[in-house]
Amino acid sequence: MRPAIRAIILTVLALVLLPYILTPFYALGHPVSALMIGRWLTGAPVKRTWIDIGAMSPALPRSAVAAEDAQFCSHHGIDWDALHDVMEDAEDGEVTRGGSTITQQVAKNLFLWPGRSFIRKGLEFPLALWIDLVLPKKRILELYLNIAELGPAGQFGVEEGARYAFGRSAAGLSAQEAALLVATLPNPVKRSARQPGPAVRRLAGTYMVRAQSAELANCWGRNSGF
C-alpha cells in the first residue's frame, strides 16, 4: 500500500474514532458543538453561556423531551419505533417528521455536521448508542440544551436563547416560555420565540400538554436521576 493511501486511511480512521475517545471526557466540562466551531472559524457570531441543568427552569428539560424525544428516558440512544414510523412515512411519500432522538442530535451537534446524508446517519447511529452507554441521561440532556442553536444570530444553548427571546436567564422561564423556546427548533432563524407566530404558538401549546404527561412525570421522577 502506498504511503499516501495509508496516511489517508489512518487519518479517516482517526477522525471516526476520535468522538468515541472524547465522549467519556464530556461527562464534565462545557463542550462546544461542531457548528459553533465552524462559525468561529468563519468569523460568524457565536454566543453561548453554559447553564447547568439543575439551574434551568424545570420546564425547559421537560419541554425539550416533550418536543424532541418522548421516549428519551427509555431508549438507548435510538428510538427504533419512531425510526420505523418515519421509514414507513417515507415509503408513502409523507415524511412530516424526523426520527432523531436527543442523543442522536447530541452526536450530530458535537461531532458531525448538519444536513441529511446516509454517510452522516451511518456515523451518527453507533455514536448515539455509545453516548447513551457512556453518559448518564441527565448529562446528555444537559449537553443538548447547551449546544442546540436557539437564536437567529448565533445564539446557542437555552441561556442565550432565553436572553435573546425573553430578556432573562433560562433559570426564570415559565412553562409557556420554555415551550415557545423549544418550539423554534430545528430552525430558530425562521421560527421565533421572541415574536412567535401562530404555528410556533400552536407547537408550544402542544409541548406544554405533552410535558405534563404521566410518562414524562415518571421519567422525571426520583428514580430517573433527574
Protein backbone atom coordinates (compact mmCIF):
# COMPACT_ATOMS: atom_id res chain seq x y z
CA MET A 1 0.00 0.00 0.00
CA ARG A 2 1.33 3.41 -0.96
CA PRO A 3 2.30 5.71 1.93
CA ALA A 4 -0.12 8.40 0.78
CA ILE A 5 -3.06 5.99 0.71
CA ARG A 6 -2.05 4.57 4.08
CA ALA A 7 -1.89 8.06 5.54
CA ILE A 8 -5.35 8.89 4.20
CA ILE A 9 -6.82 5.70 5.64
CA LEU A 10 -5.23 6.30 9.04
CA THR A 11 -6.43 9.89 9.07
CA VAL A 12 -10.01 8.89 8.26
CA LEU A 13 -9.88 6.13 10.88
CA ALA A 14 -8.60 8.58 13.49
CA LEU A 15 -11.39 11.05 12.71
CA VAL A 16 -14.01 8.30 13.00
CA LEU A 17 -12.62 7.06 16.32
CA LEU A 18 -11.99 10.49 17.87
CA PRO A 19 -15.61 11.06 19.03
CA TYR A 20 -15.59 7.71 20.83
CA ILE A 21 -12.40 8.71 22.64
CA LEU A 22 -13.70 12.17 23.54
CA THR A 23 -17.18 11.17 24.71
CA PRO A 24 -16.17 9.93 28.22
CA PHE A 25 -14.41 13.25 28.82
CA TYR A 26 -17.64 15.08 28.03
CA ALA A 27 -19.11 13.81 31.29
CA LEU A 28 -17.61 17.02 32.66
CA GLY A 29 -16.89 20.47 31.34
CA HIS A 30 -18.63 22.71 28.84
CA PRO A 31 -18.16 21.22 25.35
CA VAL A 32 -18.93 23.20 22.21
CA SER A 33 -20.58 21.89 19.07
CA ALA A 34 -19.03 21.33 15.67
CA LEU A 35 -21.33 24.05 14.28
CA MET A 36 -20.10 26.53 16.87
CA ILE A 37 -16.50 25.74 15.96
CA GLY A 38 -17.34 26.13 12.28
CA ARG A 39 -18.89 29.54 12.89
CA TRP A 40 -15.85 30.67 14.89
CA LEU A 41 -13.53 29.59 12.08
CA THR A 42 -15.54 31.56 9.51
CA GLY A 43 -15.90 34.63 11.72
CA ALA A 44 -19.66 34.23 12.21
CA PRO A 45 -21.03 35.28 15.62
CA VAL A 46 -21.33 32.70 18.37
CA LYS A 47 -23.00 33.37 21.72
CA ARG A 48 -23.15 30.60 24.29
CA THR A 49 -23.35 30.85 28.07
CA TRP A 50 -23.37 27.49 29.81
CA ILE A 51 -26.04 26.81 32.42
CA ASP A 52 -26.20 23.62 34.46
CA ILE A 53 -29.39 21.64 34.07
CA GLY A 54 -30.14 22.00 37.78
CA ALA A 55 -30.11 25.78 37.42
CA MET A 56 -32.51 25.84 34.47
CA SER A 57 -36.23 26.29 34.79
CA PRO A 58 -37.57 22.73 35.25
CA ALA A 59 -39.91 23.43 32.35
CA LEU A 60 -37.01 23.51 29.89
CA PRO A 61 -35.84 19.88 30.05
CA ARG A 62 -39.46 18.75 30.22
CA SER A 63 -40.37 20.77 27.14
CA ALA A 64 -37.32 19.55 25.24
CA VAL A 65 -38.18 15.92 25.84
CA ALA A 66 -41.85 16.53 25.03
CA ALA A 67 -40.92 18.22 21.77
CA GLU A 68 -37.95 16.25 20.54
CA ASP A 69 -37.88 12.77 22.07
CA ALA A 70 -40.78 11.50 24.15
CA GLN A 71 -39.03 8.15 24.75
CA PHE A 72 -35.75 9.76 25.79
CA CYS A 73 -35.67 8.16 29.23
CA SER A 74 -36.44 4.65 28.00
CA HIS A 75 -34.48 4.14 24.77
CA HIS A 76 -30.75 3.51 24.46
CA GLY A 77 -29.83 6.31 22.12
CA ILE A 78 -32.10 5.42 19.20
CA ASP A 79 -35.88 5.20 19.20
CA TRP A 80 -36.35 2.26 16.85
CA ASP A 81 -40.15 2.54 16.88
CA ALA A 82 -40.06 6.19 15.82
CA LEU A 83 -37.47 5.37 13.17
CA HIS A 84 -39.69 2.61 11.79
CA ASP A 85 -42.62 5.02 11.60
CA VAL A 86 -40.50 7.57 9.72
CA MET A 87 -39.39 4.92 7.23
CA GLU A 88 -43.00 3.90 6.64
CA ASP A 89 -43.94 7.55 6.09
CA ALA A 90 -41.08 7.90 3.61
CA GLU A 91 -42.29 4.87 1.66
CA ASP A 92 -45.72 6.50 1.45
CA GLY A 93 -44.15 9.81 0.41
CA GLU A 94 -45.37 11.53 3.56
CA VAL A 95 -42.28 12.45 5.58
CA THR A 96 -43.60 15.02 8.04
CA ARG A 97 -41.29 14.40 11.00
CA GLY A 98 -37.79 13.41 11.93
CA GLY A 99 -36.81 10.27 13.75
CA SER A 100 -33.72 11.58 15.52
CA THR A 101 -33.54 11.27 19.29
CA ILE A 102 -32.00 13.87 21.55
CA THR A 103 -28.98 11.58 21.86
CA GLN A 104 -28.60 11.43 18.08
CA GLN A 105 -28.81 15.21 17.93
CA VAL A 106 -26.09 15.47 20.57
CA ALA A 107 -23.93 13.13 18.48
CA LYS A 108 -24.55 15.21 15.38
CA ASN A 109 -24.09 18.58 17.06
CA LEU A 110 -20.93 17.65 18.95
CA PHE A 111 -19.08 15.67 16.34
CA LEU A 112 -20.71 15.66 12.90
CA TRP A 113 -22.32 18.13 10.51
CA PRO A 114 -25.83 19.39 9.65
CA GLY A 115 -27.81 18.27 6.64
CA ARG A 116 -29.04 14.86 5.60
CA SER A 117 -26.87 12.13 4.16
CA PHE A 118 -26.52 8.39 4.54
CA ILE A 119 -22.87 8.83 5.50
CA ARG A 120 -23.70 11.12 8.40
CA LYS A 121 -26.51 8.86 9.58
CA GLY A 122 -24.20 5.87 9.33
CA LEU A 123 -21.76 7.63 11.65
CA GLU A 124 -24.48 9.03 13.90
CA PHE A 125 -26.25 5.79 14.82
CA PRO A 126 -23.41 3.89 16.52
CA LEU A 127 -22.14 7.11 18.08
CA ALA A 128 -25.56 7.76 19.66
CA LEU A 129 -25.54 4.25 21.11
CA TRP A 130 -22.06 4.87 22.52
CA ILE A 131 -23.03 8.23 24.03
CA ASP A 132 -26.04 6.66 25.72
CA LEU A 133 -23.84 3.88 27.09
CA VAL A 134 -21.11 6.17 28.41
CA LEU A 135 -23.00 9.23 29.64
CA PRO A 136 -26.00 9.48 32.02
CA LYS A 137 -29.31 10.66 30.60
CA LYS A 138 -29.18 13.82 32.66
CA ARG A 139 -25.80 14.78 31.21
CA ILE A 140 -26.91 14.03 27.65
CA LEU A 141 -29.90 16.33 28.07
CA GLU A 142 -27.72 18.98 29.69
CA LEU A 143 -25.35 18.86 26.72
CA TYR A 144 -28.23 19.11 24.28
CA LEU A 145 -29.76 22.13 25.99
CA ASN A 146 -26.40 23.91 25.97
CA ILE A 147 -25.38 23.26 22.35
CA ALA A 148 -28.66 23.46 20.42
CA GLU A 149 -28.94 26.52 18.19
CA LEU A 150 -31.70 28.67 19.70
CA GLY A 151 -31.45 32.09 18.13
CA PRO A 152 -31.22 33.75 14.71
CA ALA A 153 -27.78 35.30 15.17
CA GLY A 154 -25.54 32.59 16.58
CA GLN A 155 -27.27 32.10 19.94
CA PHE A 156 -26.53 28.59 21.21
CA GLY A 157 -27.97 26.93 24.28
CA VAL A 158 -31.03 27.75 26.32
CA GLU A 159 -29.35 30.50 28.32
CA GLU A 160 -28.53 32.67 25.30
CA GLY A 161 -31.78 31.64 23.64
CA ALA A 162 -33.77 32.78 26.68
CA ARG A 163 -31.85 36.04 26.97
CA TYR A 164 -32.49 36.82 23.32
CA ALA A 165 -36.16 35.84 23.29
CA PHE A 166 -37.30 36.96 26.74
CA GLY A 167 -34.56 39.17 28.13
CA ARG A 168 -33.76 36.96 31.10
CA SER A 169 -31.99 33.82 32.18
CA ALA A 170 -33.18 30.32 31.37
CA ALA A 171 -33.46 29.85 35.12
CA GLY A 172 -36.56 32.03 35.29
CA LEU A 173 -38.61 30.89 32.30
CA SER A 174 -42.24 29.93 32.70
CA ALA A 175 -43.64 26.72 31.23
CA GLN A 176 -45.09 28.68 28.33
CA GLU A 177 -41.82 30.47 27.61
CA ALA A 178 -39.85 27.22 27.78
CA ALA A 179 -42.25 25.61 25.32
CA LEU A 180 -42.02 28.63 22.98
CA LEU A 181 -38.23 28.46 23.03
CA VAL A 182 -38.19 24.75 22.24
CA ALA A 183 -40.80 25.28 19.52
CA THR A 184 -38.22 27.23 17.49
CA LEU A 185 -36.29 24.00 16.90
CA PRO A 186 -34.94 22.95 14.48
CA ASN A 187 -34.90 26.32 12.72
CA PRO A 188 -34.55 29.28 15.11
CA VAL A 189 -33.78 31.55 12.16
CA LYS A 190 -37.25 31.15 10.65
CA ARG A 191 -39.10 30.44 13.90
CA SER A 192 -39.13 33.00 16.70
CA ALA A 193 -39.87 32.72 20.40
CA ARG A 194 -39.37 36.47 20.70
CA GLN A 195 -42.19 37.22 18.26
CA PRO A 196 -43.94 33.86 17.87
CA GLY A 197 -46.31 33.35 15.01
CA PRO A 198 -49.43 31.16 15.13
CA ALA A 199 -47.54 27.98 14.17
CA VAL A 200 -44.96 28.40 16.93
CA ARG A 201 -47.70 29.15 19.45
CA ARG A 202 -49.58 26.01 18.43
CA LEU A 203 -46.47 23.89 18.79
CA ALA A 204 -45.70 25.42 22.17
CA GLY A 205 -49.21 24.64 23.39
CA THR A 206 -48.83 21.03 22.29
CA TYR A 207 -45.47 20.72 24.03
CA MET A 208 -46.84 22.16 27.26
CA VAL A 209 -49.53 19.47 27.32
CA ARG A 210 -47.08 16.70 26.48
CA ALA A 211 -44.66 17.86 29.16
CA GLN A 212 -47.28 17.13 31.80
CA SER A 213 -47.97 13.60 30.58
CA ALA A 214 -47.76 10.74 33.04
CA GLU A 215 -44.88 9.17 31.13
CA LEU A 216 -42.73 12.27 31.39
CA ALA A 217 -43.69 12.75 35.00
CA ASN A 218 -42.46 9.24 35.74
CA CYS A 219 -39.32 9.82 33.70
CA TRP A 220 -38.59 12.91 35.77
CA GLY A 221 -39.29 11.06 38.97
CA ARG A 222 -36.96 10.26 41.82
CA ASN A 223 -35.63 7.10 40.20
CA SER A 224 -34.73 8.69 36.88
CA GLY A 225 -31.64 10.53 38.10
CA PHE A 226 -33.16 13.97 37.45
